[in-house]
Protein backbone atom coordinates (compact mmCIF):
# COMPACT_ATOMS: atom_id res chain seq x y z
CA MET A 1 -7.06 25.83 12.97
CA SER A 2 -10.67 24.61 12.89
CA ASN A 3 -11.79 21.00 12.62
CA LEU A 4 -12.93 21.68 9.07
CA ASP A 5 -9.47 22.96 8.11
CA GLU A 6 -7.86 19.92 9.72
CA MET A 7 -10.18 17.59 7.83
CA LEU A 8 -9.42 19.37 4.54
CA LYS A 9 -5.72 18.93 5.22
CA LYS A 10 -6.25 15.23 6.00
CA VAL A 11 -8.22 14.70 2.77
CA ARG A 12 -5.49 16.40 0.72
CA LYS A 13 -2.83 14.17 2.26
CA LEU A 14 -4.93 11.09 1.61
CA GLN A 15 -5.48 12.18 -2.00
CA LEU A 16 -1.71 12.30 -2.44
CA ARG A 17 -1.30 8.86 -0.86
CA ALA A 18 -4.08 7.52 -3.11
CA ALA A 19 -2.37 8.91 -6.22
CA ILE A 20 0.85 7.21 -5.18
CA ALA A 21 -0.99 3.93 -4.56
CA LYS A 22 -2.60 4.17 -8.01
CA THR A 23 0.80 4.75 -9.58
CA ASN A 24 2.20 1.75 -7.73
CA LEU A 25 -0.62 -0.41 -9.12
CA ARG A 26 0.06 0.82 -12.63
CA ASP A 27 3.80 0.17 -12.24
CA LEU A 28 3.04 -3.30 -10.95
CA ALA A 29 0.81 -4.04 -13.93
CA GLU A 30 3.58 -2.98 -16.30
CA GLY A 31 5.98 -5.33 -14.51
CA LEU A 32 3.79 -8.40 -14.84
CA PRO A 33 4.28 -11.32 -15.01
CA ASN A 34 7.64 -10.89 -13.29
CA LYS A 35 6.23 -9.07 -10.26
CA TRP A 36 3.19 -11.28 -9.69
CA THR A 37 4.25 -12.00 -6.10
CA GLU A 38 3.67 -8.34 -5.19
CA ILE A 39 0.05 -8.19 -6.37
CA ALA A 40 -1.59 -8.87 -3.00
CA GLU A 41 0.57 -6.43 -1.05
CA VAL A 42 0.20 -3.55 -3.51
CA ALA A 43 -3.53 -4.13 -3.92
CA GLU A 44 -4.11 -4.27 -0.15
CA THR A 45 -2.23 -1.03 0.32
CA ALA A 46 -4.21 0.71 -2.42
CA HIS A 47 -7.49 -0.62 -1.02
CA ALA A 48 -6.68 0.62 2.49
CA VAL A 49 -5.69 4.09 1.28
CA TYR A 50 -8.80 4.49 -0.87
CA ALA A 51 -11.05 3.24 1.96
CA GLU A 52 -9.53 5.79 4.32
CA LEU A 53 -9.88 8.54 1.71
CA ASN A 54 -13.52 7.65 1.11
CA SER A 55 -14.22 7.76 4.83
CA ALA A 56 -12.49 11.12 5.23
CA ARG A 57 -14.40 12.58 2.28
CA ARG A 58 -17.70 11.49 3.82
CA GLU A 59 -16.73 13.01 7.15
CA LEU A 60 -15.75 16.24 5.41
CA ALA A 61 -19.10 16.36 3.61
CA LYS A 62 -20.91 15.92 6.94
CA MET A 63 -18.87 18.69 8.50
CA ARG A 64 -19.68 21.03 5.62
CA THR A 65 -23.41 20.39 5.86
CA LEU A 66 -23.40 21.03 9.61
CA ARG A 67 -21.52 24.27 9.15
């Protein structure tokens, strides 16, 4: 498996994790104000996943242009 294939696989996995994080944020919003204590934790998790996804997408774009 090439590095490009591995990076594509990584991006797909991160896209799934990002979708789950987005759903968790939406679920949290629906549970407010009762779940207000979870805001920081859920938001930090979503932020970290999206930052990692953004980084992986940029790396993938670089790999495709060098190809």
